[in-house]
Protein backbone atom coordinates (compact mmCIF):
# COMPACT_ATOMS: atom_id res chain seq x y z
CA UNK A 1 31.14 62.86 67.88
CA UNK A 2 27.42 63.33 69.69
CA UNK A 3 25.72 63.89 67.06
CA UNK A 4 26.94 61.21 64.58
CA UNK A 5 25.89 58.62 67.83
CA UNK A 6 22.30 60.68 68.12
CA UNK A 7 21.63 60.04 64.62
CA UNK A 8 22.81 56.33 64.43
CA UNK A 9 20.69 55.91 67.38
CA UNK A 10 17.46 57.42 65.37
CA UNK A 11 18.24 54.86 62.68
CA UNK A 12 19.50 58.05 60.27
CA UNK A 13 22.86 58.24 58.54
CA UNK A 14 25.62 59.99 60.19
CA UNK A 15 27.12 63.04 59.25
CA UNK A 16 30.10 63.00 57.18
CA UNK A 17 33.22 64.83 58.25
CA UNK A 18 34.34 67.51 55.98
CA UNK A 19 35.86 70.79 55.50
CA UNK A 20 34.28 72.00 58.45
CA UNK A 21 34.04 68.96 60.54
CA UNK A 22 30.59 67.69 59.60
CA UNK A 23 29.04 67.34 56.23
CA UNK A 24 26.56 69.94 54.81
CA UNK A 25 23.28 69.84 55.78
CA UNK A 26 21.16 68.36 53.21
CA UNK A 27 18.06 70.42 52.73
CA UNK A 28 14.94 70.33 50.58
CA UNK A 29 12.60 73.15 49.69
CA UNK A 30 8.63 72.28 49.33
CA UNK A 31 7.13 75.78 48.03
CA UNK A 32 4.64 76.38 45.14
CA UNK A 33 6.34 79.63 43.92
CA UNK A 34 9.72 79.12 41.97
CA UNK A 35 11.00 82.25 42.72
CA UNK A 36 10.79 81.64 46.19
CA UNK A 37 12.44 78.58 45.91
CA UNK A 38 15.05 80.00 43.71
CA UNK A 39 15.57 82.66 45.97
CA UNK A 40 16.06 80.06 49.53
CA UNK A 41 18.09 77.98 46.81
CA UNK A 42 20.37 80.90 46.44
CA UNK A 43 20.55 82.15 49.85
CA UNK A 44 21.18 78.76 51.47
CA UNK A 45 23.61 77.73 49.05
CA UNK A 46 25.86 80.73 50.35
CA UNK A 47 25.80 78.95 53.79
CA UNK A 48 29.15 76.55 54.00
CA UNK A 49 27.39 74.17 56.17
CA UNK A 50 24.29 73.96 54.36
CA UNK A 51 22.99 72.44 51.16
CA UNK A 52 19.83 72.32 49.18
CA UNK A 53 19.79 68.62 47.62
CA UNK A 54 15.83 68.90 45.99
CA UNK A 55 12.80 70.73 45.55
CA UNK A 56 9.36 70.43 45.27
CA UNK A 57 6.12 72.44 44.41
CA UNK A 58 3.45 70.72 46.41
CA UNK A 59 2.18 68.67 49.31
CA UNK A 60 2.36 65.77 46.96
CA UNK A 61 5.94 66.44 45.57
CA UNK A 62 7.24 66.85 49.29
CA UNK A 63 5.87 63.31 50.38
CA UNK A 64 7.36 61.63 47.60
CA UNK A 65 10.42 64.19 48.22
CA UNK A 66 11.18 62.79 51.71
CA UNK A 67 10.86 58.83 50.42
CA UNK A 68 13.19 59.31 47.41
CA UNK A 69 15.79 62.03 48.92
CA UNK A 70 17.75 61.92 51.40
CA UNK A 71 17.12 64.90 53.41
CA UNK A 72 18.12 66.03 56.90
CA UNK A 73 15.60 69.14 56.68
CA UNK A 74 12.42 70.02 54.49
CA UNK A 75 11.48 73.61 54.49
CA UNK A 76 7.72 73.08 54.25
CA UNK A 77 5.61 75.86 52.82
CA UNK A 78 1.46 75.88 53.75
CA UNK A 79 -0.52 77.36 51.07
CA UNK A 80 0.34 75.10 47.82
CA UNK A 81 -1.96 73.47 45.15
CA UNK A 82 -3.23 70.02 45.38
CA UNK A 83 -2.13 68.65 48.79
CA UNK A 84 -1.44 71.38 51.56
CA UNK A 85 1.60 71.61 53.55
CA UNK A 86 -0.92 71.01 56.54
CA UNK A 87 -1.78 67.55 54.80
CA UNK A 88 1.68 66.72 53.79
CA UNK A 89 3.25 67.30 57.43
CA UNK A 90 1.67 64.34 58.71
CA UNK A 91 2.41 61.88 56.07
CA UNK A 92 5.74 63.21 55.92
CA UNK A 93 6.65 62.48 59.95
CA UNK A 94 4.83 59.13 59.02
CA UNK A 95 7.24 58.41 56.06
CA UNK A 96 10.31 60.00 57.50
CA UNK A 97 10.50 61.10 60.94
CA UNK A 98 14.16 61.73 60.84
CA UNK A 99 13.55 64.75 59.05
CA UNK A 100 13.04 67.61 60.59
CA UNK A 101 10.22 70.07 59.14
CA UNK A 102 10.18 73.63 59.04
CA UNK A 103 7.55 75.14 58.57
CA UNK A 104 8.25 78.62 56.47
CA UNK A 105 4.71 80.32 55.81
CA UNK A 106 3.16 83.59 55.00
CA UNK A 107 0.60 83.35 57.77
CA UNK A 108 1.25 84.99 60.90
CA UNK A 109 1.98 82.61 63.63
CA UNK A 110 -1.05 82.78 65.74
CA UNK A 111 -3.04 81.48 63.11
CA UNK A 112 -0.94 78.16 62.60
CA UNK A 113 2.17 77.55 64.51
CA UNK A 114 0.96 75.82 67.75
CA UNK A 115 -1.57 73.35 65.73
CA UNK A 116 1.46 72.29 63.06
CA UNK A 117 4.14 72.04 66.05
CA UNK A 118 1.73 69.83 67.84
CA UNK A 119 1.53 67.71 64.15
CA UNK A 120 5.38 67.45 64.37
CA UNK A 121 6.88 70.35 63.09
CA UNK A 122 10.18 71.09 64.36
CA UNK A 123 9.82 75.01 63.99
CA UNK A 124 7.60 77.57 62.25
CA UNK A 125 8.88 81.01 60.63
CA UNK A 126 6.85 83.54 59.28
CA UNK A 127 8.71 84.54 55.33
CA UNK A 128 8.45 88.32 56.95
CA UNK A 129 11.61 87.19 59.50
CA UNK A 130 14.83 88.19 58.98
CA UNK A 131 16.84 85.78 56.33
CA UNK A 132 19.25 85.17 58.37
CA UNK A 133 16.85 83.17 60.81
CA UNK A 134 16.42 80.50 58.59
CA UNK A 135 19.90 79.11 58.28
CA UNK A 136 20.23 79.58 62.45
CA UNK A 137 16.83 77.76 62.15
CA UNK A 138 17.91 75.27 60.12
CA UNK A 139 21.14 73.93 61.83
CA UNK A 140 19.05 73.70 65.29
CA UNK A 141 16.27 71.17 63.90
CA UNK A 142 19.21 69.24 61.97
CA UNK A 143 20.69 68.43 64.98
CA UNK A 144 17.17 67.29 66.79
CA UNK A 145 16.06 70.63 68.55
CA UNK A 146 12.90 72.54 67.70
CA UNK A 147 13.28 76.21 66.89
CA UNK A 148 10.82 78.40 68.85
CA UNK A 149 10.65 81.69 68.16
CA UNK A 150 9.74 84.40 70.98
CA UNK A 151 6.50 84.93 69.27
CA UNK A 152 6.05 81.38 69.29
CA UNK A 153 6.95 80.77 72.54
CA UNK A 154 4.44 83.25 74.14
CA UNK A 155 1.61 81.22 72.50
CA UNK A 156 2.72 78.24 73.54
CA UNK A 157 3.13 79.90 76.90
CA UNK A 158 -0.39 81.44 77.01
CA UNK A 159 -2.51 77.83 76.15
CA UNK A 160 0.19 75.84 78.65
CA UNK A 161 0.05 78.39 81.88
CA UNK A 162 -2.71 81.17 81.07
CA UNK A 163 -5.45 79.73 78.18
CA UNK A 164 -7.13 82.54 77.00
CA UNK A 165 -10.72 82.32 78.18
CA UNK A 166 -13.00 81.50 75.24
CA UNK A 167 -10.00 80.66 72.85
CA UNK A 168 -12.05 77.45 71.79
CA UNK A 169 -10.02 77.29 68.28
CA UNK A 170 -6.79 76.69 70.28
CA UNK A 171 -8.33 72.92 70.49
CA UNK A 172 -8.56 73.00 66.24
CA UNK A 173 -6.34 70.69 64.53
CA UNK A 174 -4.23 72.25 61.85
CA UNK A 175 -7.25 71.00 59.25
CA UNK A 176 -9.75 72.28 61.07
CA UNK A 177 -7.98 75.50 61.60
CA UNK A 178 -7.58 76.00 58.17
CA UNK A 179 -11.25 75.18 57.08
CA UNK A 180 -12.31 77.71 59.83
CA UNK A 181 -10.25 80.15 58.53
CA UNK A 182 -11.03 80.26 54.69
CA UNK A 183 -14.89 80.10 55.80
CA UNK A 184 -14.25 82.82 58.48
CA UNK A 185 -12.50 85.56 55.25
CA UNK A 186 -16.45 84.88 53.47
CA UNK A 187 -15.13 81.70 51.04
CA UNK A 188 -18.56 79.10 50.47
CA UNK A 189 -17.96 75.80 50.78
CA UNK A 190 -17.87 74.86 47.24
CA UNK A 191 -14.55 77.58 47.12
CA UNK A 192 -12.88 76.10 49.95
CA UNK A 193 -13.42 72.35 48.92
CA UNK A 194 -11.73 73.17 45.35
CA UNK A 195 -8.89 75.57 47.06
CA UNK A 196 -8.18 72.71 49.29
CA UNK A 197 -8.89 69.98 47.21
CA UNK A 198 -11.40 68.45 49.30
CA UNK A 199 -14.72 67.23 48.51
CA UNK A 200 -17.61 69.43 49.18
CA UNK A 201 -19.37 66.84 51.68
CA UNK A 202 -15.73 66.55 53.45
CA UNK A 203 -15.80 70.39 53.81
CA UNK A 204 -19.61 70.06 54.91
CA UNK A 205 -18.29 68.03 57.77
CA UNK A 206 -15.55 69.93 59.08
CA UNK A 207 -18.25 73.27 58.93
CA UNK A 208 -20.79 70.99 61.01
CA UNK A 209 -17.76 70.38 63.58
CA UNK A 210 -16.76 73.74 63.55
CA UNK A 211 -20.13 75.13 64.53
CA UNK A 212 -20.22 72.65 67.03
CA UNK A 213 -16.52 73.08 68.61
CA UNK A 214 -16.62 77.34 68.11
CA UNK A 215 -20.55 77.33 69.83
CA UNK A 216 -21.12 79.00 66.27
CA UNK A 217 -24.30 78.97 64.09
CA UNK A 218 -23.85 80.72 60.98
CA UNK A 219 -20.61 81.71 59.05
CA UNK A 220 -21.32 85.08 59.89
CA UNK A 221 -20.71 83.61 63.70
CA UNK A 222 -17.39 82.18 62.37
CA UNK A 223 -16.19 85.89 60.93
CA UNK A 224 -17.29 87.59 64.41
CA UNK A 225 -15.78 84.79 66.18
CA UNK A 226 -12.06 85.05 64.05
CA UNK A 227 -11.90 89.30 64.35
CA UNK A 228 -12.73 88.99 67.86
CA UNK A 229 -9.90 86.50 68.45
CA UNK A 230 -7.91 88.78 66.18
CA UNK A 231 -7.21 85.29 63.79
CA UNK A 232 -7.89 87.40 60.45
CA UNK A 233 -5.21 90.09 58.73
């Protein structure tokens, strides 16, 4: 079958034949909330062609997961303790390029979807989505395609076809955007450092970079910018 040949050419194990023609898609779940992981596992295990084979509760564990487990798709949350999903994504793609990463986050699409897709994510789903969309997305990214929702497609199109004047934040990396939104929400540099497991010096470096890129002079300017561009909920 074509899917077998594609996976062999990509250096990944071919899907084995089974009751449905192909073996089940092997999925890992990385989320720091046990209830969320349990609910996702129960829901996905009801799908004949999807099997949850491993779980992780932090970005560090997610990186270890793709190194020690044979996965086709990793469902990745962003806001996790220690090492966030944003940090983990780059490492995961470097260590296991064949694993499709489907971000499943509570953050709205307009905040992180575009920079994460640029960083290698195969798709971005908001946790408020219809649950039936999750297995559909898993099947699509497992075949090597991207899963782009209409909301994300509009965001991508707006940047390619008609960039928003003054949309300086669109050029930020996922990590820069994460620090920016924390500061815009009123967090101090120390609070951001503790929450993102960074040093205070690193946060200060990011803050200085943000001030330059967003033409801001204070945290209040960052908050004003975020509100103006509807980046805060």
